[in-house]
Amino acid sequence: MTHVVASVTALCATALLAACAVNPSAGPRAQAKLEARSGSTVAGTVTLTQVANKVRIEASLTGLTPGEHGFHVHEVGDCSAADASSAKGHFNPAGKGHGHHHGPERHAGDLPNLVADAAGRATYRAEVDMLTLDKGPMGIVGRSLVVHADPDDYRSQPAGNSGKRVACGVIAGV
């Protein structure tokens, strides 16, 4: 009987370790439902996952014009204005200038552009630092995600010359 208990214990321990190895550093998750603003037809869903010290952002959108579009985390989780101006500016807790998403001198909310195909669909995946999925100083739960009409040039102040806000969604923890 002792041998059977030891075997079952070993089997359970192996199964538990295997389950943890699938994604050992995945943490909290959040979602945002993007809705059209500024007269656009843009809509989509965004899933965010904390993975170690980065946030993985995965999105699927429709209704875009073909090409690149600025994509940012904004300060306020309010998309009620017809032009999404209620979301305020880019999330920028460190008070830095707008910049490239890979650079150290940038808003925390500066994300890589998303790219729509000829049919106006975009599938997006990026991992970014300087953000967390909580309500702490770098936390973005309760803030908003905004898609812009034009590409972010990663230089122009204060928002990368990315044009009007064509979609907005509030980030909610799941």
Protein backbone atom coordinates (compact mmCIF):
# COMPACT_ATOMS: atom_id res chain seq x y z
CA MET A 1 0.00 0.00 0.00
CA THR A 2 2.86 2.40 0.80
CA HIS A 3 4.26 1.81 -2.70
CA VAL A 4 0.87 2.72 -4.27
CA VAL A 5 0.57 5.93 -2.21
CA ALA A 6 4.13 6.91 -3.14
CA SER A 7 3.40 6.26 -6.83
CA VAL A 8 0.18 8.28 -6.75
CA THR A 9 1.95 11.12 -4.91
CA ALA A 10 4.76 11.13 -7.48
CA LEU A 11 2.26 11.09 -10.34
CA CYS A 12 0.31 14.01 -8.85
CA ALA A 13 3.49 15.99 -8.29
CA THR A 14 4.58 15.39 -11.90
CA ALA A 15 1.19 16.48 -13.22
CA LEU A 16 1.27 19.63 -11.09
CA LEU A 17 4.76 20.55 -12.28
CA ALA A 18 3.77 19.94 -15.90
CA ALA A 19 0.74 22.21 -15.51
CA CYS A 20 2.92 24.96 -14.09
CA ALA A 21 5.46 24.61 -16.89
CA VAL A 22 2.86 25.47 -19.55
CA ASN A 23 3.05 29.15 -18.63
CA PRO A 24 4.93 29.51 -15.37
CA SER A 25 5.11 33.30 -15.36
CA ALA A 26 1.61 34.22 -16.59
CA GLY A 27 -0.19 36.40 -14.13
CA PRO A 28 -3.31 38.56 -14.09
CA ARG A 29 -5.45 39.03 -17.20
CA ALA A 30 -7.61 41.88 -18.46
CA GLN A 31 -9.81 42.64 -21.46
CA ALA A 32 -11.12 45.61 -23.40
CA LYS A 33 -13.94 45.77 -25.90
CA LEU A 34 -13.08 48.42 -28.50
CA GLU A 35 -16.02 50.41 -29.85
CA ALA A 36 -16.20 52.85 -32.76
CA ARG A 37 -15.62 56.56 -32.15
CA SER A 38 -15.30 59.65 -34.40
CA GLY A 39 -17.78 58.25 -36.93
CA SER A 40 -15.74 55.13 -37.68
CA THR A 41 -16.89 51.50 -37.86
CA VAL A 42 -13.89 50.14 -35.93
CA ALA A 43 -14.60 47.41 -33.38
CA GLY A 44 -12.56 44.72 -31.68
CA THR A 45 -11.45 42.88 -28.61
CA VAL A 46 -8.18 43.08 -26.71
CA THR A 47 -6.82 40.56 -24.22
CA LEU A 48 -3.97 41.57 -21.91
CA THR A 49 -1.89 39.14 -19.85
CA GLN A 50 0.83 39.91 -17.32
CA VAL A 51 3.85 37.75 -18.24
CA ALA A 52 6.74 38.30 -15.83
CA ASN A 53 7.66 42.01 -16.10
CA LYS A 54 5.77 42.62 -19.36
CA VAL A 55 2.19 42.83 -20.52
CA ARG A 56 1.22 40.74 -23.56
CA ILE A 57 -1.40 42.50 -25.68
CA GLU A 58 -3.42 40.50 -28.21
CA ALA A 59 -6.11 42.14 -30.30
CA SER A 60 -8.45 41.47 -33.18
CA LEU A 61 -10.08 44.45 -34.93
CA THR A 62 -12.31 45.15 -37.93
CA GLY A 63 -13.48 48.28 -39.73
CA LEU A 64 -10.08 49.95 -40.04
CA THR A 65 -8.68 51.64 -43.11
CA PRO A 66 -5.81 49.57 -44.56
CA GLY A 67 -2.37 50.39 -43.15
CA GLU A 68 -0.88 51.40 -39.81
CA HIS A 69 -2.74 52.91 -36.87
CA GLY A 70 -1.52 54.39 -33.61
CA PHE A 71 -2.47 52.32 -30.56
CA HIS A 72 -2.08 53.63 -27.02
CA VAL A 73 -3.06 53.19 -23.41
CA HIS A 74 -4.78 56.41 -22.32
CA GLU A 75 -5.00 57.92 -18.82
CA VAL A 76 -8.69 57.57 -18.09
CA GLY A 77 -11.07 54.64 -18.46
CA ASP A 78 -13.81 56.74 -20.03
CA CYS A 79 -14.78 56.27 -23.67
CA SER A 80 -18.11 58.13 -23.44
CA ALA A 81 -17.21 61.08 -25.69
CA ALA A 82 -18.11 60.64 -29.37
CA ASP A 83 -14.47 61.36 -30.26
CA ALA A 84 -13.01 59.45 -27.24
CA SER A 85 -11.53 62.68 -25.88
CA SER A 86 -12.89 61.59 -22.48
CA ALA A 87 -10.02 59.05 -22.35
CA LYS A 88 -7.65 62.06 -21.95
CA GLY A 89 -3.96 61.77 -23.00
CA HIS A 90 -1.54 58.88 -23.18
CA PHE A 91 -0.86 57.05 -19.91
CA ASN A 92 2.35 58.72 -18.75
CA PRO A 93 3.03 58.26 -15.02
CA ALA A 94 6.73 59.14 -15.36
CA GLY A 95 6.06 62.46 -17.14
CA LYS A 96 8.24 61.61 -20.16
CA GLY A 97 7.93 62.78 -23.75
CA HIS A 98 6.23 60.70 -26.42
CA GLY A 99 8.58 58.20 -28.06
CA HIS A 100 9.18 54.82 -29.63
CA HIS A 101 7.72 51.85 -27.74
CA HIS A 102 11.17 50.21 -27.46
CA GLY A 103 12.89 53.30 -26.11
CA PRO A 104 13.34 54.28 -22.47
CA GLU A 105 12.18 57.87 -23.08
CA ARG A 106 8.48 57.43 -23.80
CA HIS A 107 5.03 57.38 -22.31
CA ALA A 108 4.27 54.07 -20.61
CA GLY A 109 1.17 53.93 -22.84
CA ASP A 110 3.11 54.17 -26.13
CA LEU A 111 2.47 50.87 -27.95
CA PRO A 112 3.57 49.53 -31.34
CA ASN A 113 1.32 50.53 -34.25
CA LEU A 114 -1.23 47.99 -35.36
CA VAL A 115 -1.53 47.15 -39.06
CA ALA A 116 -4.80 46.54 -40.92
CA ASP A 117 -4.96 44.44 -44.07
CA ALA A 118 -6.75 45.45 -47.31
CA ALA A 119 -10.08 44.32 -45.81
CA GLY A 120 -9.61 46.53 -42.72
CA ARG A 121 -8.85 43.67 -40.32
CA ALA A 122 -5.95 43.68 -37.88
CA THR A 123 -4.55 40.96 -35.67
CA TYR A 124 -2.13 42.33 -33.12
CA ARG A 125 0.31 40.86 -30.63
CA ALA A 126 2.96 42.72 -28.66
CA GLU A 127 4.73 42.45 -25.33
CA VAL A 128 5.55 45.73 -23.65
CA ASP A 129 7.28 46.77 -20.45
CA MET A 130 6.53 49.71 -18.13
CA LEU A 131 2.94 48.47 -17.60
CA THR A 132 1.22 46.20 -15.08
CA LEU A 133 -2.25 44.72 -14.88
CA ASP A 134 -3.25 46.19 -11.56
CA LYS A 135 -4.19 49.56 -10.11
CA GLY A 136 -0.63 50.42 -8.97
CA PRO A 137 1.43 53.35 -10.29
CA MET A 138 2.14 51.54 -13.59
CA GLY A 139 -1.21 49.76 -13.60
CA ILE A 140 -3.56 50.02 -16.55
CA VAL A 141 -6.68 48.24 -15.25
CA GLY A 142 -9.43 50.88 -15.35
CA ARG A 143 -7.66 52.92 -18.05
CA SER A 144 -8.50 52.86 -21.77
CA LEU A 145 -7.04 51.61 -25.03
CA VAL A 146 -7.41 53.91 -28.04
CA VAL A 147 -6.92 53.19 -31.74
CA HIS A 148 -6.08 56.20 -33.91
CA ALA A 149 -6.83 56.89 -37.58
CA ASP A 150 -3.19 57.38 -38.58
CA PRO A 151 0.15 55.75 -37.74
CA ASP A 152 2.11 56.93 -34.74
CA ASP A 153 5.33 58.53 -35.99
CA TYR A 154 6.95 57.87 -32.56
CA ARG A 155 8.41 61.43 -32.54
CA SER A 156 5.79 64.18 -32.60
CA GLN A 157 4.71 65.59 -29.25
CA PRO A 158 2.55 64.95 -27.42
CA ALA A 159 0.89 62.01 -29.22
CA GLY A 160 2.84 60.91 -32.29
CA ASN A 161 0.67 62.76 -34.84
CA SER A 162 -1.61 59.73 -34.97
CA GLY A 163 -4.82 61.56 -35.77
CA LYS A 164 -8.37 61.20 -34.55
CA ARG A 165 -9.45 58.46 -32.17
CA VAL A 166 -11.40 55.84 -34.12
CA ALA A 167 -11.97 53.25 -31.36
CA CYS A 168 -11.85 53.17 -27.57
CA GLY A 169 -12.32 50.54 -24.86
CA VAL A 170 -11.91 50.42 -21.09
CA ILE A 171 -9.45 47.87 -19.67
CA ALA A 172 -11.18 45.62 -17.14
CA GLY A 173 -9.61 42.87 -15.05
CA VAL A 174 -10.94 39.34 -15.54
